[in-house]
Amino acid sequence: MVIRRSNGSSIINKDVLYVPGMKCNLLSVGQLIETGFSVTMKNEVLELFDASNKLVLRSPLSKNRTFKTLISSTEVQCLQIMVENKHSWL
């Protein structure tokens, strides 16, 4: 997944799961931390930083205790396909 920042630069997050039909996307904080990002949550705000400690996103806590954000992504491309059933192409 490529996330485009407001200043035009991009962040790449690898090994994301695409779920067809989902109305919203979920970001795994644990996966982001494993790939070099860091997260702070204080004063009802989540901030995500890249490995260079540059702010990637800031999101306020919503009423249902989730952090909702709009992420601007670049043109969607499938970079890898994983098939669970060998005969799914039939």
PDB file of N, CA and C in Angstrom:
ATOM      1  N   MET A   1       0.846  -1.158   0.000  1.00  0.00           N
ATOM      2  CA  MET A   1       0.000   0.000   0.000  1.00  0.00           C
ATOM      3  C   MET A   1       0.899   1.230   0.000  1.00  0.00           C
ATOM      4  N   VAL A   2       0.593   2.151  -0.868  1.00  0.00           N
ATOM      5  CA  VAL A   2       1.348   3.393  -0.941  1.00  0.00           C
ATOM      6  C   VAL A   2       0.460   4.507  -0.405  1.00  0.00           C
ATOM      7  N   ILE A   3       0.942   5.206   0.619  1.00  0.00           N
ATOM      8  CA  ILE A   3       0.206   6.317   1.211  1.00  0.00           C
ATOM      9  C   ILE A   3       0.873   7.608   0.773  1.00  0.00           C
ATOM     10  N   ARG A   4       0.090   8.482   0.170  1.00  0.00           N
ATOM     11  CA  ARG A   4       0.624   9.766  -0.288  1.00  0.00           C
ATOM     12  C   ARG A   4       0.397  10.814   0.799  1.00  0.00           C
ATOM     13  N   ARG A   5       1.459  11.477   1.209  1.00  0.00           N
ATOM     14  CA  ARG A   5       1.371  12.528   2.222  1.00  0.00           C
ATOM     15  C   ARG A   5       0.845  13.815   1.602  1.00  0.00           C
ATOM     16  N   SER A   6       0.437  14.744   2.464  1.00  0.00           N
ATOM     17  CA  SER A   6      -0.084  16.028   1.976  1.00  0.00           C
ATOM     18  C   SER A   6       0.991  16.843   1.261  1.00  0.00           C
ATOM     19  N   ASN A   7       2.286  16.590   1.583  1.00  0.00           N
ATOM     20  CA  ASN A   7       3.363  17.330   0.916  1.00  0.00           C
ATOM     21  C   ASN A   7       3.804  16.679  -0.395  1.00  0.00           C
ATOM     22  N   GLY A   8       3.143  15.576  -0.798  1.00  0.00           N
ATOM     23  CA  GLY A   8       3.443  14.921  -2.068  1.00  0.00           C
ATOM     24  C   GLY A   8       4.362  13.722  -1.965  1.00  0.00           C
ATOM     25  N   SER A   9       5.068  13.554  -0.851  1.00  0.00           N
ATOM     26  CA  SER A   9       5.934  12.385  -0.694  1.00  0.00           C
ATOM     27  C   SER A   9       5.083  11.151  -0.378  1.00  0.00           C
ATOM     28  N   SER A  10       5.677   9.974  -0.482  1.00  0.00           N
ATOM     29  CA  SER A  10       4.938   8.726  -0.294  1.00  0.00           C
ATOM     30  C   SER A  10       5.579   7.826   0.745  1.00  0.00           C
ATOM     31  N   ILE A  11       4.749   7.017   1.381  1.00  0.00           N
ATOM     32  CA  ILE A  11       5.169   5.986   2.337  1.00  0.00           C
ATOM     33  C   ILE A  11       4.663   4.658   1.802  1.00  0.00           C
ATOM     34  N   ILE A  12       5.490   3.620   1.839  1.00  0.00           N
ATOM     35  CA  ILE A  12       5.082   2.295   1.375  1.00  0.00           C
ATOM     36  C   ILE A  12       4.954   1.373   2.578  1.00  0.00           C
ATOM     37  N   ASN A  13       3.806   0.707   2.679  1.00  0.00           N
ATOM     38  CA  ASN A  13       3.586  -0.312   3.700  1.00  0.00           C
ATOM     39  C   ASN A  13       3.362  -1.628   2.968  1.00  0.00           C
ATOM     40  N   LYS A  14       4.220  -2.615   3.214  1.00  0.00           N
ATOM     41  CA  LYS A  14       4.176  -3.882   2.494  1.00  0.00           C
ATOM     42  C   LYS A  14       3.329  -4.917   3.229  1.00  0.00           C
ATOM     43  N   ASP A  15       2.973  -5.971   2.532  1.00  0.00           N
ATOM     44  CA  ASP A  15       2.247  -7.124   3.077  1.00  0.00           C
ATOM     45  C   ASP A  15       0.919  -6.732   3.698  1.00  0.00           C
ATOM     46  N   VAL A  16       0.120  -5.944   2.977  1.00  0.00           N
ATOM     47  CA  VAL A  16      -1.211  -5.603   3.450  1.00  0.00           C
ATOM     48  C   VAL A  16      -2.210  -6.587   2.864  1.00  0.00           C
ATOM     49  N   LEU A  17      -3.317  -6.756   3.533  1.00  0.00           N
ATOM     50  CA  LEU A  17      -4.352  -7.695   3.112  1.00  0.00           C
ATOM     51  C   LEU A  17      -5.482  -6.930   2.450  1.00  0.00           C
ATOM     52  N   TYR A  18      -5.849  -7.334   1.246  1.00  0.00           N
ATOM     53  CA  TYR A  18      -6.966  -6.729   0.527  1.00  0.00           C
ATOM     54  C   TYR A  18      -8.196  -7.587   0.759  1.00  0.00           C
ATOM     55  N   VAL A  19      -9.276  -6.976   1.233  1.00  0.00           N
ATOM     56  CA  VAL A  19     -10.527  -7.687   1.477  1.00  0.00           C
ATOM     57  C   VAL A  19     -11.594  -7.069   0.581  1.00  0.00           C
ATOM     58  N   PRO A  20     -11.961  -7.754  -0.502  1.00  0.00           N
ATOM     59  CA  PRO A  20     -12.975  -7.212  -1.410  1.00  0.00           C
ATOM     60  C   PRO A  20     -14.301  -7.006  -0.682  1.00  0.00           C
ATOM     61  N   GLY A  21     -14.962  -5.915  -0.978  1.00  0.00           N
ATOM     62  CA  GLY A  21     -16.277  -5.656  -0.410  1.00  0.00           C
ATOM     63  C   GLY A  21     -16.280  -4.911   0.915  1.00  0.00           C
ATOM     64  N   MET A  22     -15.131  -4.724   1.541  1.00  0.00           N
ATOM     65  CA  MET A  22     -15.110  -3.966   2.799  1.00  0.00           C
ATOM     66  C   MET A  22     -15.401  -2.502   2.510  1.00  0.00           C
ATOM     67  N   LYS A  23     -16.213  -1.891   3.356  1.00  0.00           N
ATOM     68  CA  LYS A  23     -16.565  -0.490   3.169  1.00  0.00           C
ATOM     69  C   LYS A  23     -15.527   0.449   3.760  1.00  0.00           C
ATOM     70  N   CYS A  24     -14.664  -0.060   4.636  1.00  0.00           N
ATOM     71  CA  CYS A  24     -13.579   0.746   5.187  1.00  0.00           C
ATOM     72  C   CYS A  24     -12.366  -0.164   5.357  1.00  0.00           C
ATOM     73  N   ASN A  25     -11.230   0.432   5.523  1.00  0.00           N
ATOM     74  CA  ASN A  25      -9.988  -0.315   5.687  1.00  0.00           C
ATOM     75  C   ASN A  25      -9.507  -0.203   7.120  1.00  0.00           C
ATOM     76  N   LEU A  26      -8.808  -1.210   7.586  1.00  0.00           N
ATOM     77  CA  LEU A  26      -8.256  -1.214   8.928  1.00  0.00           C
ATOM     78  C   LEU A  26      -6.742  -1.219   8.838  1.00  0.00           C
ATOM     79  N   LEU A  27      -6.100  -0.448   9.673  1.00  0.00           N
ATOM     80  CA  LEU A  27      -4.644  -0.463   9.765  1.00  0.00           C
ATOM     81  C   LEU A  27      -4.257  -1.155  11.055  1.00  0.00           C
ATOM     82  N   SER A  28      -3.342  -2.089  10.984  1.00  0.00           N
ATOM     83  CA  SER A  28      -2.850  -2.783  12.161  1.00  0.00           C
ATOM     84  C   SER A  28      -1.693  -1.992  12.753  1.00  0.00           C
ATOM     85  N   VAL A  29      -1.909  -1.465  13.956  1.00  0.00           N
ATOM     86  CA  VAL A  29      -0.849  -0.707  14.626  1.00  0.00           C
ATOM     87  C   VAL A  29       0.353  -1.606  14.875  1.00  0.00           C
ATOM     88  N   GLY A  30       0.110  -2.845  15.287  1.00  0.00           N
ATOM     89  CA  GLY A  30       1.211  -3.786  15.517  1.00  0.00           C
ATOM     90  C   GLY A  30       2.038  -4.020  14.274  1.00  0.00           C
ATOM     91  N   GLN A  31       1.384  -4.179  13.123  1.00  0.00           N
ATOM     92  CA  GLN A  31       2.109  -4.391  11.867  1.00  0.00           C
ATOM     93  C   GLN A  31       2.902  -3.144  11.493  1.00  0.00           C
ATOM     94  N   LEU A  32       2.334  -1.980  11.707  1.00  0.00           N
ATOM     95  CA  LEU A  32       3.052  -0.745  11.398  1.00  0.00           C
ATOM     96  C   LEU A  32       4.309  -0.614  12.251  1.00  0.00           C
ATOM     97  N   ILE A  33       4.200  -0.949  13.533  1.00  0.00           N
ATOM     98  CA  ILE A  33       5.363  -0.888  14.431  1.00  0.00           C
ATOM     99  C   ILE A  33       6.436  -1.879  13.992  1.00  0.00           C
ATOM    100  N   GLU A  34       6.030  -3.086  13.593  1.00  0.00           N
ATOM    101  CA  GLU A  34       6.990  -4.105  13.134  1.00  0.00           C
ATOM    102  C   GLU A  34       7.744  -3.654  11.894  1.00  0.00           C
ATOM    103  N   THR A  35       7.151  -2.772  11.094  1.00  0.00           N
ATOM    104  CA  THR A  35       7.793  -2.334   9.850  1.00  0.00           C
ATOM    105  C   THR A  35       8.508  -0.991   9.991  1.00  0.00           C
ATOM    106  N   GLY A  36       8.714  -0.529  11.239  1.00  0.00           N
ATOM    107  CA  GLY A  36       9.526   0.661  11.449  1.00  0.00           C
ATOM    108  C   GLY A  36       8.781   1.932  11.780  1.00  0.00           C
ATOM    109  N   PHE A  37       7.466   1.889  11.789  1.00  0.00           N
ATOM    110  CA  PHE A  37       6.690   3.060  12.168  1.00  0.00           C
ATOM    111  C   PHE A  37       6.637   3.146  13.689  1.00  0.00           C
ATOM    112  N   SER A  38       6.301   4.320  14.206  1.00  0.00           N
ATOM    113  CA  SER A  38       6.067   4.460  15.644  1.00  0.00           C
ATOM    114  C   SER A  38       4.743   5.188  15.844  1.00  0.00           C
ATOM    115  N   VAL A  39       4.122   4.936  16.980  1.00  0.00           N
ATOM    116  CA  VAL A  39       2.793   5.470  17.254  1.00  0.00           C
ATOM    117  C   VAL A  39       2.778   6.101  18.636  1.00  0.00           C
ATOM    118  N   THR A  40       2.146   7.260  18.743  1.00  0.00           N
ATOM    119  CA  THR A  40       1.868   7.837  20.050  1.00  0.00           C
ATOM    120  C   THR A  40       0.363   8.059  20.141  1.00  0.00           C
ATOM    121  N   MET A  41      -0.184   7.803  21.330  1.00  0.00           N
ATOM    122  CA  MET A  41      -1.597   8.057  21.595  1.00  0.00           C
ATOM    123  C   MET A  41      -1.680   8.818  22.901  1.00  0.00           C
ATOM    124  N   LYS A  42      -2.029  10.087  22.822  1.00  0.00           N
ATOM    125  CA  LYS A  42      -2.209  10.890  24.022  1.00  0.00           C
ATOM    126  C   LYS A  42      -3.158  12.036  23.718  1.00  0.00           C
ATOM    127  N   ASN A  43      -3.816  12.511  24.765  1.00  0.00           N
ATOM    128  CA  ASN A  43      -4.788  13.604  24.623  1.00  0.00           C
ATOM    129  C   ASN A  43      -5.819  13.313  23.538  1.00  0.00           C
ATOM    130  N   GLU A  44      -6.250  12.043  23.460  1.00  0.00           N
ATOM    131  CA  GLU A  44      -7.276  11.588  22.504  1.00  0.00           C
ATOM    132  C   GLU A  44      -6.882  11.796  21.038  1.00  0.00           C
ATOM    133  N   VAL A  45      -5.569  11.709  20.754  1.00  0.00           N
ATOM    134  CA  VAL A  45      -5.066  11.842  19.382  1.00  0.00           C
ATOM    135  C   VAL A  45      -4.038  10.746  19.129  1.00  0.00           C
ATOM    136  N   LEU A  46      -4.143  10.087  17.975  1.00  0.00           N
ATOM    137  CA  LEU A  46      -3.151   9.105  17.533  1.00  0.00           C
ATOM    138  C   LEU A  46      -2.263   9.781  16.506  1.00  0.00           C
ATOM    139  N   GLU A  47      -0.950   9.624  16.658  1.00  0.00           N
ATOM    140  CA  GLU A  47      -0.002  10.131  15.672  1.00  0.00           C
ATOM    141  C   GLU A  47       0.880   8.987  15.204  1.00  0.00           C
ATOM    142  N   LEU A  48       1.028   8.858  13.895  1.00  0.00           N
ATOM    143  CA  LEU A  48       1.838   7.812  13.280  1.00  0.00           C
ATOM    144  C   LEU A  48       3.053   8.464  12.632  1.00  0.00           C
ATOM    145  N   PHE A  49       4.253   7.945  12.964  1.00  0.00           N
ATOM    146  CA  PHE A  49       5.505   8.478  12.440  1.00  0.00           C
ATOM    147  C   PHE A  49       6.227   7.404  11.640  1.00  0.00           C
ATOM    148  N   ASP A  50       6.936   7.797  10.584  1.00  0.00           N
ATOM    149  CA  ASP A  50       7.724   6.838   9.815  1.00  0.00           C
ATOM    150  C   ASP A  50       9.062   6.598  10.507  1.00  0.00           C
ATOM    151  N   ALA A  51       9.917   5.792   9.892  1.00  0.00           N
ATOM    152  CA  ALA A  51      11.207   5.435  10.487  1.00  0.00           C
ATOM    153  C   ALA A  51      12.120   6.645  10.660  1.00  0.00           C
ATOM    154  N   SER A  52      11.893   7.709   9.900  1.00  0.00           N
ATOM    155  CA  SER A  52      12.680   8.941  10.020  1.00  0.00           C
ATOM    156  C   SER A  52      12.058   9.920  11.015  1.00  0.00           C
ATOM    157  N   ASN A  53      11.051   9.451  11.740  1.00  0.00           N
ATOM    158  CA  ASN A  53      10.318  10.234  12.738  1.00  0.00           C
ATOM    159  C   ASN A  53       9.562  11.411  12.132  1.00  0.00           C
ATOM    160  N   LYS A  54       9.151  11.248  10.859  1.00  0.00           N
ATOM    161  CA  LYS A  54       8.317  12.255  10.208  1.00  0.00           C
ATOM    162  C   LYS A  54       6.856  11.857  10.386  1.00  0.00           C
ATOM    163  N   LEU A  55       6.020  12.823  10.710  1.00  0.00           N
ATOM    164  CA  LEU A  55       4.605  12.568  10.926  1.00  0.00           C
ATOM    165  C   LEU A  55       3.951  12.094   9.632  1.00  0.00           C
ATOM    166  N   VAL A  56       3.269  10.943   9.689  1.00  0.00           N
ATOM    167  CA  VAL A  56       2.558  10.396   8.538  1.00  0.00           C
ATOM    168  C   VAL A  56       1.079  10.744   8.644  1.00  0.00           C
ATOM    169  N   LEU A  57       0.486  10.565   9.829  1.00  0.00           N
ATOM    170  CA  LEU A  57      -0.907  10.936  10.012  1.00  0.00           C
ATOM    171  C   LEU A  57      -1.190  11.278  11.466  1.00  0.00           C
ATOM    172  N   ARG A  58      -2.222  12.075  11.649  1.00  0.00           N
ATOM    173  CA  ARG A  58      -2.723  12.454  12.975  1.00  0.00           C
ATOM    174  C   ARG A  58      -4.226  12.249  12.932  1.00  0.00           C
ATOM    175  N   SER A  59      -4.768  11.524  13.916  1.00  0.00           N
ATOM    176  CA  SER A  59      -6.180  11.192  13.900  1.00  0.00           C
ATOM    177  C   SER A  59      -6.779  11.335  15.298  1.00  0.00           C
ATOM    178  N   PRO A  60      -7.898  12.063  15.424  1.00  0.00           N
ATOM    179  CA  PRO A  60      -8.543  12.208  16.730  1.00  0.00           C
ATOM    180  C   PRO A  60      -9.358  10.965  17.094  1.00  0.00           C
ATOM    181  N   LEU A  61      -9.547  10.759  18.368  1.00  0.00           N
ATOM    182  CA  LEU A  61     -10.379   9.665  18.878  1.00  0.00           C
ATOM    183  C   LEU A  61     -11.837   9.996  18.593  1.00  0.00           C
ATOM    184  N   SER A  62     -12.564   9.032  17.997  1.00  0.00           N
ATOM    185  CA  SER A  62     -13.979   9.272  17.694  1.00  0.00           C
ATOM    186  C   SER A  62     -14.849   8.821  18.869  1.00  0.00           C
ATOM    187  N   LYS A  63     -16.148   9.042  18.768  1.00  0.00           N
ATOM    188  CA  LYS A  63     -17.083   8.703  19.844  1.00  0.00           C
ATOM    189  C   LYS A  63     -17.120   7.212  20.151  1.00  0.00           C
ATOM    190  N   ASN A  64     -16.875   6.362  19.135  1.00  0.00           N
ATOM    191  CA  ASN A  64     -16.895   4.911  19.375  1.00  0.00           C
ATOM    192  C   ASN A  64     -15.511   4.359  19.715  1.00  0.00           C
ATOM    193  N   ARG A  65     -14.604   5.236  20.139  1.00  0.00           N
ATOM    194  CA  ARG A  65     -13.260   4.887  20.603  1.00  0.00           C
ATOM    195  C   ARG A  65     -12.389   4.256  19.523  1.00  0.00           C
ATOM    196  N   THR A  66     -12.564   4.677  18.283  1.00  0.00           N
ATOM    197  CA  THR A  66     -11.662   4.292  17.202  1.00  0.00           C
ATOM    198  C   THR A  66     -11.024   5.562  16.657  1.00  0.00           C
ATOM    199  N   PHE A  67      -9.939   5.392  15.935  1.00  0.00           N
ATOM    200  CA  PHE A  67      -9.271   6.521  15.301  1.00  0.00           C
ATOM    201  C   PHE A  67      -9.580   6.449  13.811  1.00  0.00           C
ATOM    202  N   LYS A  68     -10.401   7.360  13.332  1.00  0.00           N
ATOM    203  CA  LYS A  68     -10.784   7.366  11.926  1.00  0.00           C
ATOM    204  C   LYS A  68      -9.944   8.399  11.199  1.00  0.00           C
ATOM    205  N   THR A  69      -9.480   8.023  10.020  1.00  0.00           N
ATOM    206  CA  THR A  69      -8.680   8.943   9.227  1.00  0.00           C
ATOM    207  C   THR A  69      -8.931   8.705   7.749  1.00  0.00           C
ATOM    208  N   LEU A  70      -8.724   9.702   6.955  1.00  0.00           N
ATOM    209  CA  LEU A  70      -8.783   9.567   5.506  1.00  0.00           C
ATOM    210  C   LEU A  70      -7.353   9.540   5.004  1.00  0.00           C
ATOM    211  N   ILE A  71      -7.002   8.468   4.309  1.00  0.00           N
ATOM    212  CA  ILE A  71      -5.655   8.326   3.772  1.00  0.00           C
ATOM    213  C   ILE A  71      -5.718   8.483   2.268  1.00  0.00           C
ATOM    214  N   SER A  72      -4.910   9.360   1.763  1.00  0.00           N
ATOM    215  CA  SER A  72      -4.826   9.564   0.330  1.00  0.00           C
ATOM    216  C   SER A  72      -3.810   8.560  -0.220  1.00  0.00           C
ATOM    217  N   SER A  73      -4.281   7.647  -1.035  1.00  0.00           N
ATOM    218  CA  SER A  73      -3.369   6.650  -1.597  1.00  0.00           C
ATOM    219  C   SER A  73      -3.134   6.950  -3.066  1.00  0.00           C
ATOM    220  N   THR A  74      -2.053   6.405  -3.587  1.00  0.00           N
ATOM    221  CA  THR A  74      -1.746   6.591  -5.001  1.00  0.00           C
ATOM    222  C   THR A  74      -2.593   5.620  -5.806  1.00  0.00           C
ATOM    223  N   GLU A  75      -2.416   5.621  -7.102  1.00  0.00           N
ATOM    224  CA  GLU A  75      -3.167   4.728  -7.974  1.00  0.00           C
ATOM    225  C   GLU A  75      -3.018   3.292  -7.495  1.00  0.00           C
ATOM    226  N   VAL A  76      -4.137   2.592  -7.410  1.00  0.00           N
ATOM    227  CA  VAL A  76      -4.141   1.230  -6.887  1.00  0.00           C
ATOM    228  C   VAL A  76      -3.578   0.268  -7.920  1.00  0.00           C
ATOM    229  N   GLN A  77      -2.611  -0.529  -7.495  1.00  0.00           N
ATOM    230  CA  GLN A  77      -2.031  -1.556  -8.352  1.00  0.00           C
ATOM    231  C   GLN A  77      -1.875  -2.818  -7.526  1.00  0.00           C
ATOM    232  N   CYS A  78      -2.129  -3.951  -8.140  1.00  0.00           N
ATOM    233  CA  CYS A  78      -1.903  -5.220  -7.462  1.00  0.00           C
ATOM    234  C   CYS A  78      -0.448  -5.599  -7.697  1.00  0.00           C
ATOM    235  N   LEU A  79       0.327  -5.664  -6.623  1.00  0.00           N
ATOM    236  CA  LEU A  79       1.740  -5.973  -6.752  1.00  0.00           C
ATOM    237  C   LEU A  79       2.028  -7.453  -6.518  1.00  0.00           C
ATOM    238  N   GLN A  80       1.094  -8.158  -5.878  1.00  0.00           N
ATOM    239  CA  GLN A  80       1.280  -9.579  -5.620  1.00  0.00           C
ATOM    240  C   GLN A  80      -0.079 -10.201  -5.363  1.00  0.00           C
ATOM    241  N   ILE A  81      -0.265 -11.426  -5.834  1.00  0.00           N
ATOM    242  CA  ILE A  81      -1.509 -12.151  -5.615  1.00  0.00           C
ATOM    243  C   ILE A  81      -1.197 -13.439  -4.878  1.00  0.00           C
ATOM    244  N   MET A  82      -2.031 -13.754  -3.892  1.00  0.00           N
ATOM    245  CA  MET A  82      -1.890 -15.012  -3.169  1.00  0.00           C
ATOM    246  C   MET A  82      -3.195 -15.770  -3.319  1.00  0.00           C
ATOM    247  N   VAL A  83      -3.123 -17.012  -3.783  1.00  0.00           N
ATOM    248  CA  VAL A  83      -4.303 -17.835  -3.993  1.00  0.00           C
ATOM    249  C   VAL A  83      -4.310 -18.945  -2.961  1.00  0.00           C
ATOM    250  N   GLU A  84      -5.435 -19.066  -2.212  1.00  0.00           N
ATOM    251  CA  GLU A  84      -5.524 -20.088  -1.192  1.00  0.00           C
ATOM    252  C   GLU A  84      -5.903 -21.451  -1.781  1.00  0.00           C
ATOM    253  N   ASN A  85      -6.752 -21.448  -2.795  1.00  0.00           N
ATOM    254  CA  ASN A  85      -7.212 -22.682  -3.390  1.00  0.00           C
ATOM    255  C   ASN A  85      -6.575 -22.812  -4.771  1.00  0.00           C
ATOM    256  N   LYS A  86      -5.814 -23.865  -5.007  1.00  0.00           N
ATOM    257  CA  LYS A  86      -5.111 -24.030  -6.282  1.00  0.00           C
ATOM    258  C   LYS A  86      -6.071 -24.091  -7.465  1.00  0.00           C
ATOM    259  N   HIS A  87      -7.307 -24.511  -7.207  1.00  0.00           N
ATOM    260  CA  HIS A  87      -8.250 -24.691  -8.309  1.00  0.00           C
ATOM    261  C   HIS A  87      -9.230 -23.505  -8.439  1.00  0.00           C
ATOM    262  N   SER A  88      -8.934 -22.418  -7.771  1.00  0.00           N
ATOM    263  CA  SER A  88      -9.851 -21.277  -7.801  1.00  0.00           C
ATOM    264  C   SER A  88      -9.893 -20.620  -9.182  1.00  0.00           C
ATOM    265  N   TRP A  89      -8.902 -20.868 -10.018  1.00  0.00           N
ATOM    266  CA  TRP A  89      -8.877 -20.281 -11.355  1.00  0.00           C
ATOM    267  C   TRP A  89      -9.792 -21.014 -12.309  1.00  0.00           C
ATOM    268  N   LEU A  90     -10.304 -22.191 -11.945  1.00  0.00           N
ATOM    269  CA  LEU A  90     -11.170 -22.968 -12.850  1.00  0.00           C
ATOM    270  C   LEU A  90     -12.523 -22.346 -13.051  1.00  0.00           C
TER     271      LEU A  90
END
